[in-house]
PDB file of N, CA and C in Angstrom:
ATOM      1  N   MET A   1     237.554 110.418 155.072  1.00  0.00           N
ATOM      2  CA  MET A   1     238.688 110.778 155.907  1.00  0.00           C
ATOM      3  C   MET A   1     238.735 112.290 156.150  1.00  0.00           C
ATOM      4  N   LEU A   2     238.462 113.068 155.107  1.00  0.00           N
ATOM      5  CA  LEU A   2     238.488 114.518 155.246  1.00  0.00           C
ATOM      6  C   LEU A   2     237.402 114.987 156.211  1.00  0.00           C
ATOM      7  N   GLU A   3     236.232 114.351 156.143  1.00  0.00           N
ATOM      8  CA  GLU A   3     235.145 114.700 157.061  1.00  0.00           C
ATOM      9  C   GLU A   3     235.547 114.441 158.507  1.00  0.00           C
ATOM     10  N   LYS A   4     236.206 113.300 158.747  1.00  0.00           N
ATOM     11  CA  LYS A   4     236.637 112.973 160.100  1.00  0.00           C
ATOM     12  C   LYS A   4     237.667 113.987 160.578  1.00  0.00           C
ATOM     13  N   THR A   5     238.610 114.327 159.737  1.00  0.00           N
ATOM     14  CA  THR A   5     239.644 115.295 160.104  1.00  0.00           C
ATOM     15  C   THR A   5     239.026 116.650 160.419  1.00  0.00           C
ATOM     16  N   THR A   6     238.081 117.076 159.591  1.00  0.00           N
ATOM     17  CA  THR A   6     237.418 118.355 159.824  1.00  0.00           C
ATOM     18  C   THR A   6     236.659 118.318 161.146  1.00  0.00           C
ATOM     19  N   ARG A   7     235.950 117.230 161.398  1.00  0.00           N
ATOM     20  CA  ARG A   7     235.188 117.103 162.646  1.00  0.00           C
ATOM     21  C   ARG A   7     236.121 117.140 163.854  1.00  0.00           C
ATOM     22  N   ILE A   8     237.209 116.386 163.808  1.00  0.00           N
ATOM     23  CA  ILE A   8     238.148 116.350 164.928  1.00  0.00           C
ATOM     24  C   ILE A   8     238.766 117.732 165.138  1.00  0.00           C
ATOM     25  N   ASN A   9     239.077 118.437 164.052  1.00  0.00           N
ATOM     26  CA  ASN A   9     239.625 119.787 164.188  1.00  0.00           C
ATOM     27  C   ASN A   9     238.643 120.711 164.898  1.00  0.00           C
ATOM     28  N   TYR A  10     237.361 120.632 164.539  1.00  0.00           N
ATOM     29  CA  TYR A  10     236.355 121.440 165.214  1.00  0.00           C
ATOM     30  C   TYR A  10     236.232 121.047 166.689  1.00  0.00           C
ATOM     31  N   LEU A  11     236.157 119.749 166.951  1.00  0.00           N
ATOM     32  CA  LEU A  11     236.048 119.296 168.334  1.00  0.00           C
ATOM     33  C   LEU A  11     237.261 119.751 169.140  1.00  0.00           C
ATOM     34  N   TYR A  12     238.430 119.674 168.531  1.00  0.00           N
ATOM     35  CA  TYR A  12     239.652 120.131 169.206  1.00  0.00           C
ATOM     36  C   TYR A  12     239.549 121.620 169.524  1.00  0.00           C
ATOM     37  N   ASP A  13     239.058 122.406 168.576  1.00  0.00           N
ATOM     38  CA  ASP A  13     238.899 123.847 168.816  1.00  0.00           C
ATOM     39  C   ASP A  13     237.981 124.108 170.013  1.00  0.00           C
ATOM     40  N   PHE A  14     236.895 123.369 170.095  1.00  0.00           N
ATOM     41  CA  PHE A  14     235.938 123.586 171.169  1.00  0.00           C
ATOM     42  C   PHE A  14     236.421 123.069 172.523  1.00  0.00           C
ATOM     43  N   TYR A  15     237.117 121.937 172.538  1.00  0.00           N
ATOM     44  CA  TYR A  15     237.401 121.261 173.796  1.00  0.00           C
ATOM     45  C   TYR A  15     238.881 121.165 174.167  1.00  0.00           C
ATOM     46  N   GLN A  16     239.754 121.832 173.448  1.00  0.00           N
ATOM     47  CA  GLN A  16     241.185 121.668 173.710  1.00  0.00           C
ATOM     48  C   GLN A  16     241.580 122.042 175.136  1.00  0.00           C
ATOM     49  N   SER A  17     240.882 122.987 175.725  1.00  0.00           N
ATOM     50  CA  SER A  17     241.231 123.398 177.089  1.00  0.00           C
ATOM     51  C   SER A  17     240.946 122.298 178.115  1.00  0.00           C
ATOM     52  N   LEU A  18     240.170 121.292 177.736  1.00  0.00           N
ATOM     53  CA  LEU A  18     239.870 120.174 178.631  1.00  0.00           C
ATOM     54  C   LEU A  18     240.910 119.056 178.536  1.00  0.00           C
ATOM     55  N   LEU A  19     241.844 119.193 177.601  1.00  0.00           N
ATOM     56  CA  LEU A  19     242.865 118.175 177.388  1.00  0.00           C
ATOM     57  C   LEU A  19     244.142 118.516 178.150  1.00  0.00           C
ATOM     58  N   THR A  20     244.945 117.494 178.382  1.00  0.00           N
ATOM     59  CA  THR A  20     246.253 117.728 179.007  1.00  0.00           C
ATOM     60  C   THR A  20     247.177 118.400 177.988  1.00  0.00           C
ATOM     61  N   PRO A  21     248.233 119.044 178.451  1.00  0.00           N
ATOM     62  CA  PRO A  21     249.182 119.659 177.502  1.00  0.00           C
ATOM     63  C   PRO A  21     249.748 118.660 176.490  1.00  0.00           C
ATOM     64  N   LYS A  22     250.023 117.450 176.942  1.00  0.00           N
ATOM     65  CA  LYS A  22     250.560 116.421 176.044  1.00  0.00           C
ATOM     66  C   LYS A  22     249.528 116.055 174.974  1.00  0.00           C
ATOM     67  N   GLN A  23     248.270 115.871 175.375  1.00  0.00           N
ATOM     68  CA  GLN A  23     247.205 115.570 174.416  1.00  0.00           C
ATOM     69  C   GLN A  23     247.036 116.726 173.433  1.00  0.00           C
ATOM     70  N   GLN A  24     247.069 117.945 173.929  1.00  0.00           N
ATOM     71  CA  GLN A  24     246.955 119.111 173.065  1.00  0.00           C
ATOM     72  C   GLN A  24     248.082 119.126 172.031  1.00  0.00           C
ATOM     73  N   SER A  25     249.277 118.846 172.494  1.00  0.00           N
ATOM     74  CA  SER A  25     250.435 118.881 171.603  1.00  0.00           C
ATOM     75  C   SER A  25     250.340 117.804 170.522  1.00  0.00           C
ATOM     76  N   TYR A  26     250.026 116.576 170.916  1.00  0.00           N
ATOM     77  CA  TYR A  26     249.905 115.486 169.942  1.00  0.00           C
ATOM     78  C   TYR A  26     248.825 115.803 168.904  1.00  0.00           C
ATOM     79  N   MET A  27     247.667 116.250 169.383  1.00  0.00           N
ATOM     80  CA  MET A  27     246.558 116.537 168.459  1.00  0.00           C
ATOM     81  C   MET A  27     246.901 117.698 167.537  1.00  0.00           C
ATOM     82  N   SER A  28     247.524 118.715 168.073  1.00  0.00           N
ATOM     83  CA  SER A  28     247.900 119.869 167.270  1.00  0.00           C
ATOM     84  C   SER A  28     248.905 119.467 166.190  1.00  0.00           C
ATOM     85  N   LEU A  29     249.906 118.705 166.572  1.00  0.00           N
ATOM     86  CA  LEU A  29     250.913 118.276 165.593  1.00  0.00           C
ATOM     87  C   LEU A  29     250.294 117.371 164.525  1.00  0.00           C
ATOM     88  N   TYR A  30     249.444 116.447 164.956  1.00  0.00           N
ATOM     89  CA  TYR A  30     248.885 115.469 164.024  1.00  0.00           C
ATOM     90  C   TYR A  30     247.820 116.073 163.111  1.00  0.00           C
ATOM     91  N   TYR A  31     246.882 116.809 163.685  1.00  0.00           N
ATOM     92  CA  TYR A  31     245.755 117.305 162.892  1.00  0.00           C
ATOM     93  C   TYR A  31     245.972 118.693 162.299  1.00  0.00           C
ATOM     94  N   LEU A  32     246.633 119.563 163.023  1.00  0.00           N
ATOM     95  CA  LEU A  32     246.789 120.925 162.515  1.00  0.00           C
ATOM     96  C   LEU A  32     248.068 121.113 161.705  1.00  0.00           C
ATOM     97  N   ASP A  33     249.159 120.496 162.185  1.00  0.00           N
ATOM     98  CA  ASP A  33     250.445 120.663 161.503  1.00  0.00           C
ATOM     99  C   ASP A  33     250.765 119.528 160.543  1.00  0.00           C
ATOM    100  N   ASP A  34     249.904 118.516 160.493  1.00  0.00           N
ATOM    101  CA  ASP A  34     250.026 117.400 159.565  1.00  0.00           C
ATOM    102  C   ASP A  34     251.313 116.592 159.748  1.00  0.00           C
ATOM    103  N   PHE A  35     251.745 116.441 160.999  1.00  0.00           N
ATOM    104  CA  PHE A  35     252.890 115.582 161.284  1.00  0.00           C
ATOM    105  C   PHE A  35     252.449 114.128 161.191  1.00  0.00           C
ATOM    106  N   SER A  36     253.365 113.255 160.827  1.00  0.00           N
ATOM    107  CA  SER A  36     253.066 111.823 160.826  1.00  0.00           C
ATOM    108  C   SER A  36     253.248 111.286 162.240  1.00  0.00           C
ATOM    109  N   LEU A  37     252.751 110.074 162.461  1.00  0.00           N
ATOM    110  CA  LEU A  37     252.943 109.438 163.767  1.00  0.00           C
ATOM    111  C   LEU A  37     254.420 109.291 164.084  1.00  0.00           C
ATOM    112  N   GLY A  38     255.200 108.926 163.072  1.00  0.00           N
ATOM    113  CA  GLY A  38     256.639 108.763 163.255  1.00  0.00           C
ATOM    114  C   GLY A  38     257.335 110.063 163.631  1.00  0.00           C
ATOM    115  N   GLU A  39     256.931 111.152 162.997  1.00  0.00           N
ATOM    116  CA  GLU A  39     257.535 112.450 163.309  1.00  0.00           C
ATOM    117  C   GLU A  39     257.222 112.881 164.738  1.00  0.00           C
ATOM    118  N   ILE A  40     256.000 112.645 165.164  1.00  0.00           N
ATOM    119  CA  ILE A  40     255.619 112.988 166.543  1.00  0.00           C
ATOM    120  C   ILE A  40     256.375 112.092 167.521  1.00  0.00           C
ATOM    121  N   ALA A  41     256.482 110.804 167.191  1.00  0.00           N
ATOM    122  CA  ALA A  41     257.207 109.867 168.046  1.00  0.00           C
ATOM    123  C   ALA A  41     258.660 110.302 168.201  1.00  0.00           C
ATOM    124  N   ASP A  42     259.295 110.698 167.116  1.00  0.00           N
ATOM    125  CA  ASP A  42     260.678 111.170 167.174  1.00  0.00           C
ATOM    126  C   ASP A  42     260.795 112.424 168.035  1.00  0.00           C
ATOM    127  N   GLU A  43     259.838 113.314 167.897  1.00  0.00           N
ATOM    128  CA  GLU A  43     259.830 114.574 168.645  1.00  0.00           C
ATOM    129  C   GLU A  43     259.772 114.327 170.158  1.00  0.00           C
ATOM    130  N   TYR A  44     259.001 113.318 170.570  1.00  0.00           N
ATOM    131  CA  TYR A  44     258.802 113.051 171.995  1.00  0.00           C
ATOM    132  C   TYR A  44     259.594 111.860 172.520  1.00  0.00           C
ATOM    133  N   GLY A  45     260.312 111.175 171.643  1.00  0.00           N
ATOM    134  CA  GLY A  45     261.111 110.034 172.082  1.00  0.00           C
ATOM    135  C   GLY A  45     260.276 108.868 172.563  1.00  0.00           C
ATOM    136  N   VAL A  46     259.158 108.641 171.881  1.00  0.00           N
ATOM    137  CA  VAL A  46     258.279 107.516 172.215  1.00  0.00           C
ATOM    138  C   VAL A  46     258.039 106.707 170.937  1.00  0.00           C
ATOM    139  N   SER A  47     257.324 105.595 171.073  1.00  0.00           N
ATOM    140  CA  SER A  47     257.035 104.761 169.908  1.00  0.00           C
ATOM    141  C   SER A  47     255.865 105.335 169.107  1.00  0.00           C
ATOM    142  N   ARG A  48     255.789 104.938 167.848  1.00  0.00           N
ATOM    143  CA  ARG A  48     254.658 105.331 167.007  1.00  0.00           C
ATOM    144  C   ARG A  48     253.346 104.816 167.615  1.00  0.00           C
ATOM    145  N   GLN A  49     253.415 103.616 168.181  1.00  0.00           N
ATOM    146  CA  GLN A  49     252.225 103.020 168.800  1.00  0.00           C
ATOM    147  C   GLN A  49     251.737 103.863 169.973  1.00  0.00           C
ATOM    148  N   ALA A  50     252.661 104.396 170.763  1.00  0.00           N
ATOM    149  CA  ALA A  50     252.282 105.242 171.897  1.00  0.00           C
ATOM    150  C   ALA A  50     251.581 106.509 171.406  1.00  0.00           C
ATOM    151  N   VAL A  51     252.095 107.094 170.335  1.00  0.00           N
ATOM    152  CA  VAL A  51     251.474 108.288 169.766  1.00  0.00           C
ATOM    153  C   VAL A  51     250.081 107.945 169.234  1.00  0.00           C
ATOM    154  N   TYR A  52     250.003 106.852 168.484  1.00  0.00           N
ATOM    155  CA  TYR A  52     248.728 106.412 167.911  1.00  0.00           C
ATOM    156  C   TYR A  52     247.693 106.191 169.017  1.00  0.00           C
ATOM    157  N   ASP A  53     248.079 105.476 170.064  1.00  0.00           N
ATOM    158  CA  ASP A  53     247.159 105.193 171.174  1.00  0.00           C
ATOM    159  C   ASP A  53     246.689 106.475 171.840  1.00  0.00           C
ATOM    160  N   ASN A  54     247.619 107.403 172.049  1.00  0.00           N
ATOM    161  CA  ASN A  54     247.264 108.670 172.685  1.00  0.00           C
ATOM    162  C   ASN A  54     246.284 109.453 171.820  1.00  0.00           C
ATOM    163  N   ILE A  55     246.528 109.505 170.528  1.00  0.00           N
ATOM    164  CA  ILE A  55     245.644 110.242 169.615  1.00  0.00           C
ATOM    165  C   ILE A  55     244.266 109.597 169.577  1.00  0.00           C
ATOM    166  N   LYS A  56     244.203 108.277 169.505  1.00  0.00           N
ATOM    167  CA  LYS A  56     242.908 107.582 169.468  1.00  0.00           C
ATOM    168  C   LYS A  56     242.125 107.789 170.765  1.00  0.00           C
ATOM    169  N   ARG A  57     242.816 107.729 171.899  1.00  0.00           N
ATOM    170  CA  ARG A  57     242.146 107.978 173.183  1.00  0.00           C
ATOM    171  C   ARG A  57     241.630 109.415 173.252  1.00  0.00           C
ATOM    172  N   THR A  58     242.432 110.340 172.762  1.00  0.00           N
ATOM    173  CA  THR A  58     242.037 111.744 172.795  1.00  0.00           C
ATOM    174  C   THR A  58     240.856 111.992 171.868  1.00  0.00           C
ATOM    175  N   GLU A  59     240.849 111.364 170.689  1.00  0.00           N
ATOM    176  CA  GLU A  59     239.705 111.485 169.777  1.00  0.00           C
ATOM    177  C   GLU A  59     238.433 110.991 170.471  1.00  0.00           C
ATOM    178  N   ALA A  60     238.536 109.871 171.157  1.00  0.00           N
ATOM    179  CA  ALA A  60     237.384 109.322 171.869  1.00  0.00           C
ATOM    180  C   ALA A  60     236.922 110.279 172.967  1.00  0.00           C
ATOM    181  N   MET A  61     237.856 110.896 173.658  1.00  0.00           N
ATOM    182  CA  MET A  61     237.510 111.864 174.696  1.00  0.00           C
ATOM    183  C   MET A  61     236.785 113.061 174.099  1.00  0.00           C
ATOM    184  N   LEU A  62     237.279 113.554 172.958  1.00  0.00           N
ATOM    185  CA  LEU A  62     236.642 114.695 172.299  1.00  0.00           C
ATOM    186  C   LEU A  62     235.206 114.351 171.907  1.00  0.00           C
ATOM    187  N   GLU A  63     235.008 113.139 171.396  1.00  0.00           N
ATOM    188  CA  GLU A  63     233.656 112.701 171.030  1.00  0.00           C
ATOM    189  C   GLU A  63     232.755 112.604 172.261  1.00  0.00           C
ATOM    190  N   GLU A  64     233.314 112.144 173.385  1.00  0.00           N
ATOM    191  CA  GLU A  64     232.534 112.070 174.623  1.00  0.00           C
ATOM    192  C   GLU A  64     232.144 113.463 175.112  1.00  0.00           C
ATOM    193  N   TYR A  65     233.080 114.400 175.042  1.00  0.00           N
ATOM    194  CA  TYR A  65     232.774 115.775 175.431  1.00  0.00           C
ATOM    195  C   TYR A  65     231.649 116.331 174.559  1.00  0.00           C
ATOM    196  N   GLU A  66     231.729 116.064 173.268  1.00  0.00           N
ATOM    197  CA  GLU A  66     230.705 116.562 172.346  1.00  0.00           C
ATOM    198  C   GLU A  66     229.354 115.917 172.648  1.00  0.00           C
ATOM    199  N   GLU A  67     229.374 114.641 172.957  1.00  0.00           N
ATOM    200  CA  GLU A  67     228.122 113.940 173.275  1.00  0.00           C
ATOM    201  C   GLU A  67     227.438 114.563 174.490  1.00  0.00           C
ATOM    202  N   LYS A  68     228.240 115.017 175.451  1.00  0.00           N
ATOM    203  CA  LYS A  68     227.687 115.582 176.672  1.00  0.00           C
ATOM    204  C   LYS A  68     227.374 117.073 176.555  1.00  0.00           C
ATOM    205  N   LEU A  69     228.234 117.828 175.877  1.00  0.00           N
ATOM    206  CA  LEU A  69     228.101 119.285 175.857  1.00  0.00           C
ATOM    207  C   LEU A  69     227.480 119.841 174.570  1.00  0.00           C
ATOM    208  N   CYS A  70     227.605 119.114 173.473  1.00  0.00           N
ATOM    209  CA  CYS A  70     226.983 119.469 172.190  1.00  0.00           C
ATOM    210  C   CYS A  70     227.387 120.842 171.648  1.00  0.00           C
ATOM    211  N   LEU A  71     228.584 121.313 171.939  1.00  0.00           N
ATOM    212  CA  LEU A  71     229.006 122.630 171.460  1.00  0.00           C
ATOM    213  C   LEU A  71     229.124 122.679 169.935  1.00  0.00           C
ATOM    214  N   PHE A  72     229.687 121.639 169.336  1.00  0.00           N
ATOM    215  CA  PHE A  72     229.848 121.613 167.885  1.00  0.00           C
ATOM    216  C   PHE A  72     228.498 121.502 167.194  1.00  0.00           C
ATOM    217  N   ASP A  73     227.625 120.671 167.727  1.00  0.00           N
ATOM    218  CA  ASP A  73     226.287 120.516 167.158  1.00  0.00           C
ATOM    219  C   ASP A  73     225.531 121.839 167.189  1.00  0.00           C
ATOM    220  N   LYS A  74     225.588 122.532 168.314  1.00  0.00           N
ATOM    221  CA  LYS A  74     224.917 123.833 168.423  1.00  0.00           C
ATOM    222  C   LYS A  74     225.542 124.852 167.471  1.00  0.00           C
ATOM    223  N   PHE A  75     226.859 124.798 167.316  1.00  0.00           N
ATOM    224  CA  PHE A  75     227.565 125.684 166.388  1.00  0.00           C
ATOM    225  C   PHE A  75     227.060 125.469 164.960  1.00  0.00           C
ATOM    226  N   GLN A  76     226.936 124.207 164.559  1.00  0.00           N
ATOM    227  CA  GLN A  76     226.451 123.893 163.215  1.00  0.00           C
ATOM    228  C   GLN A  76     225.011 124.373 163.024  1.00  0.00           C
ATOM    229  N   LYS A  77     224.159 124.117 164.006  1.00  0.00           N
ATOM    230  CA  LYS A  77     222.765 124.541 163.908  1.00  0.00           C
ATOM    231  C   LYS A  77     222.662 126.062 163.855  1.00  0.00           C
ATOM    232  N   ARG A  78     223.458 126.722 164.674  1.00  0.00           N
ATOM    233  CA  ARG A  78     223.451 128.190 164.700  1.00  0.00           C
ATOM    234  C   ARG A  78     223.868 128.746 163.334  1.00  0.00           C
ATOM    235  N   ASN A  79     224.917 128.183 162.754  1.00  0.00           N
ATOM    236  CA  ASN A  79     225.373 128.635 161.435  1.00  0.00           C
ATOM    237  C   ASN A  79     224.314 128.415 160.362  1.00  0.00           C
ATOM    238  N   LYS A  80     223.634 127.274 160.424  1.00  0.00           N
ATOM    239  CA  LYS A  80     222.586 126.986 159.449  1.00  0.00           C
ATOM    240  C   LYS A  80     221.444 128.000 159.563  1.00  0.00           C
ATOM    241  N   LEU A  81     221.046 128.292 160.786  1.00  0.00           N
ATOM    242  CA  LEU A  81     219.977 129.267 160.996  1.00  0.00           C
ATOM    243  C   LEU A  81     220.399 130.665 160.551  1.00  0.00           C
ATOM    244  N   LEU A  82     221.624 131.052 160.870  1.00  0.00           N
ATOM    245  CA  LEU A  82     222.109 132.369 160.454  1.00  0.00           C
ATOM    246  C   LEU A  82     222.193 132.483 158.941  1.00  0.00           C
ATOM    247  N   ASN A  83     222.622 131.421 158.288  1.00  0.00           N
ATOM    248  CA  ASN A  83     222.661 131.424 156.817  1.00  0.00           C
ATOM    249  C   ASN A  83     221.256 131.559 156.240  1.00  0.00           C
ATOM    250  N   GLY A  84     220.293 130.877 156.865  1.00  0.00           N
ATOM    251  CA  GLY A  84     218.910 130.981 156.413  1.00  0.00           C
ATOM    252  C   GLY A  84     218.367 132.389 156.582  1.00  0.00           C
ATOM    253  N   ILE A  85     218.674 133.024 157.691  1.00  0.00           N
ATOM    254  CA  ILE A  85     218.238 134.404 157.924  1.00  0.00           C
ATOM    255  C   ILE A  85     218.868 135.336 156.900  1.00  0.00           C
ATOM    256  N   THR A  86     220.161 135.149 156.665  1.00  0.00           N
ATOM    257  CA  THR A  86     220.872 135.987 155.693  1.00  0.00           C
ATOM    258  C   THR A  86     220.262 135.845 154.307  1.00  0.00           C
ATOM    259  N   GLU A  87     219.986 134.619 153.899  1.00  0.00           N
ATOM    260  CA  GLU A  87     219.386 134.394 152.580  1.00  0.00           C
ATOM    261  C   GLU A  87     217.989 135.006 152.499  1.00  0.00           C
ATOM    262  N   ALA A  88     217.212 134.871 153.571  1.00  0.00           N
ATOM    263  CA  ALA A  88     215.863 135.435 153.584  1.00  0.00           C
ATOM    264  C   ALA A  88     215.913 136.959 153.468  1.00  0.00           C
ATOM    265  N   LEU A  89     216.882 137.566 154.127  1.00  0.00           N
ATOM    266  CA  LEU A  89     216.999 139.028 154.073  1.00  0.00           C
ATOM    267  C   LEU A  89     217.453 139.529 152.706  1.00  0.00           C
ATOM    268  N   LYS A  90     218.085 138.679 151.935  1.00  0.00           N
ATOM    269  CA  LYS A  90     218.533 139.059 150.591  1.00  0.00           C
ATOM    270  C   LYS A  90     217.379 139.104 149.590  1.00  0.00           C
ATOM    271  N   THR A  91     216.279 138.459 149.932  1.00  0.00           N
ATOM    272  CA  THR A  91     215.124 138.469 149.022  1.00  0.00           C
ATOM    273  C   THR A  91     214.424 139.824 149.124  1.00  0.00           C
ATOM    274  N   ASP A  92     213.582 140.115 148.125  1.00  0.00           N
ATOM    275  CA  ASP A  92     212.882 141.392 148.090  1.00  0.00           C
ATOM    276  C   ASP A  92     211.918 141.555 149.257  1.00  0.00           C
ATOM    277  N   SER A  93     211.245 140.474 149.608  1.00  0.00           N
ATOM    278  CA  SER A  93     210.274 140.582 150.700  1.00  0.00           C
ATOM    279  C   SER A  93     210.416 139.371 151.628  1.00  0.00           C
ATOM    280  N   PRO A  94     211.341 139.460 152.594  1.00  0.00           N
ATOM    281  CA  PRO A  94     211.502 138.327 153.501  1.00  0.00           C
ATOM    282  C   PRO A  94     210.258 138.136 154.360  1.00  0.00           C
ATOM    283  N   SER A  95     209.939 136.909 154.623  1.00  0.00           N
ATOM    284  CA  SER A  95     208.795 136.585 155.457  1.00  0.00           C
ATOM    285  C   SER A  95     209.129 136.906 156.916  1.00  0.00           C
ATOM    286  N   LYS A  96     208.376 137.814 157.487  1.00  0.00           N
ATOM    287  CA  LYS A  96     208.600 138.208 158.879  1.00  0.00           C
ATOM    288  C   LYS A  96     208.422 137.007 159.805  1.00  0.00           C
ATOM    289  N   GLN A  97     207.443 136.178 159.515  1.00  0.00           N
ATOM    290  CA  GLN A  97     207.184 135.001 160.348  1.00  0.00           C
ATOM    291  C   GLN A  97     208.361 134.025 160.300  1.00  0.00           C
ATOM    292  N   ALA A  98     208.910 133.800 159.101  1.00  0.00           N
ATOM    293  CA  ALA A  98     210.051 132.888 158.961  1.00  0.00           C
ATOM    294  C   ALA A  98     211.260 133.427 159.728  1.00  0.00           C
ATOM    295  N   LEU A  99     211.484 134.735 159.663  1.00  0.00           N
ATOM    296  CA  LEU A  99     212.595 135.333 160.389  1.00  0.00           C
ATOM    297  C   LEU A  99     212.403 135.215 161.904  1.00  0.00           C
ATOM    298  N   LEU A 100     211.186 135.442 162.364  1.00  0.00           N
ATOM    299  CA  LEU A 100     210.907 135.315 163.791  1.00  0.00           C
ATOM    300  C   LEU A 100     211.095 133.878 164.272  1.00  0.00           C
ATOM    301  N   GLU A 101     210.698 132.925 163.455  1.00  0.00           N
ATOM    302  CA  GLU A 101     210.878 131.520 163.807  1.00  0.00           C
ATOM    303  C   GLU A 101     212.357 131.153 163.884  1.00  0.00           C
ATOM    304  N   ALA A 102     213.143 131.666 162.936  1.00  0.00           N
ATOM    305  CA  ALA A 102     214.584 131.399 162.952  1.00  0.00           C
ATOM    306  C   ALA A 102     215.246 132.008 164.183  1.00  0.00           C
ATOM    307  N   VAL A 103     214.842 133.212 164.540  1.00  0.00           N
ATOM    308  CA  VAL A 103     215.375 133.870 165.737  1.00  0.00           C
ATOM    309  C   VAL A 103     214.983 133.062 166.990  1.00  0.00           C
ATOM    310  N   ALA A 104     213.784 132.573 167.037  1.00  0.00           N
ATOM    311  CA  ALA A 104     213.327 131.761 168.172  1.00  0.00           C
ATOM    312  C   ALA A 104     214.163 130.486 168.284  1.00  0.00           C
ATOM    313  N   GLU A 105     214.469 129.874 167.142  1.00  0.00           N
ATOM    314  CA  GLU A 105     215.316 128.680 167.137  1.00  0.00           C
ATOM    315  C   GLU A 105     216.719 129.006 167.646  1.00  0.00           C
ATOM    316  N   LEU A 106     217.250 130.150 167.242  1.00  0.00           N
ATOM    317  CA  LEU A 106     218.570 130.570 167.733  1.00  0.00           C
ATOM    318  C   LEU A 106     218.542 130.741 169.245  1.00  0.00           C
ATOM    319  N   GLU A 107     217.490 131.323 169.757  1.00  0.00           N
ATOM    320  CA  GLU A 107     217.394 131.530 171.207  1.00  0.00           C
ATOM    321  C   GLU A 107     217.326 130.214 171.948  1.00  0.00           C
ATOM    322  N   LYS A 108     216.701 129.206 171.379  1.00  0.00           N
ATOM    323  CA  LYS A 108     216.603 127.890 172.014  1.00  0.00           C
ATOM    324  C   LYS A 108     217.972 127.225 172.157  1.00  0.00           C
ATOM    325  N   LEU A 109     218.890 127.528 171.231  1.00  0.00           N
ATOM    326  CA  LEU A 109     220.204 126.879 171.252  1.00  0.00           C
ATOM    327  C   LEU A 109     221.052 127.317 172.441  1.00  0.00           C
ATOM    328  N   ASP A 110     220.773 128.460 172.979  1.00  0.00           N
ATOM    329  CA  ASP A 110     221.580 128.965 174.104  1.00  0.00           C
ATOM    330  C   ASP A 110     221.047 128.516 175.410  1.00  0.00           C
TER     331      ASP A 110
END
C-alpha cells in the first residue's frame, strides 16, 4: 500500500497540471493531506462513492499519462545513474570509462 501511495504521489507531482481542478483537489486531499473518502465527500457535498470513483479514475489517468510520457520512469533512472556517478566519484580512483558510460546513459534519457 505504501508503494502504491508513493507512486501515485510521484505521478501526481509530474502530471497534476493535466488534471482538472476538481481532480487535483480530490487527489491532493486524499494522498497529500490524508483525508478520508468521507471527509472529502463532506467537503464537496457528494457521496463517498463519488469521491472514490473520481480518485480511481484519476489514478488510472495518471498511470496512462506515465505509460505514454514515462516522466517518472526517466526520473527514477536518472536518479539511479546520478547515485552511481556520485558513488564512483567517492572512490579513490573512479573508472573514467564507467563515468563516461553513465553520462551517456543520462544523455539518452533526455
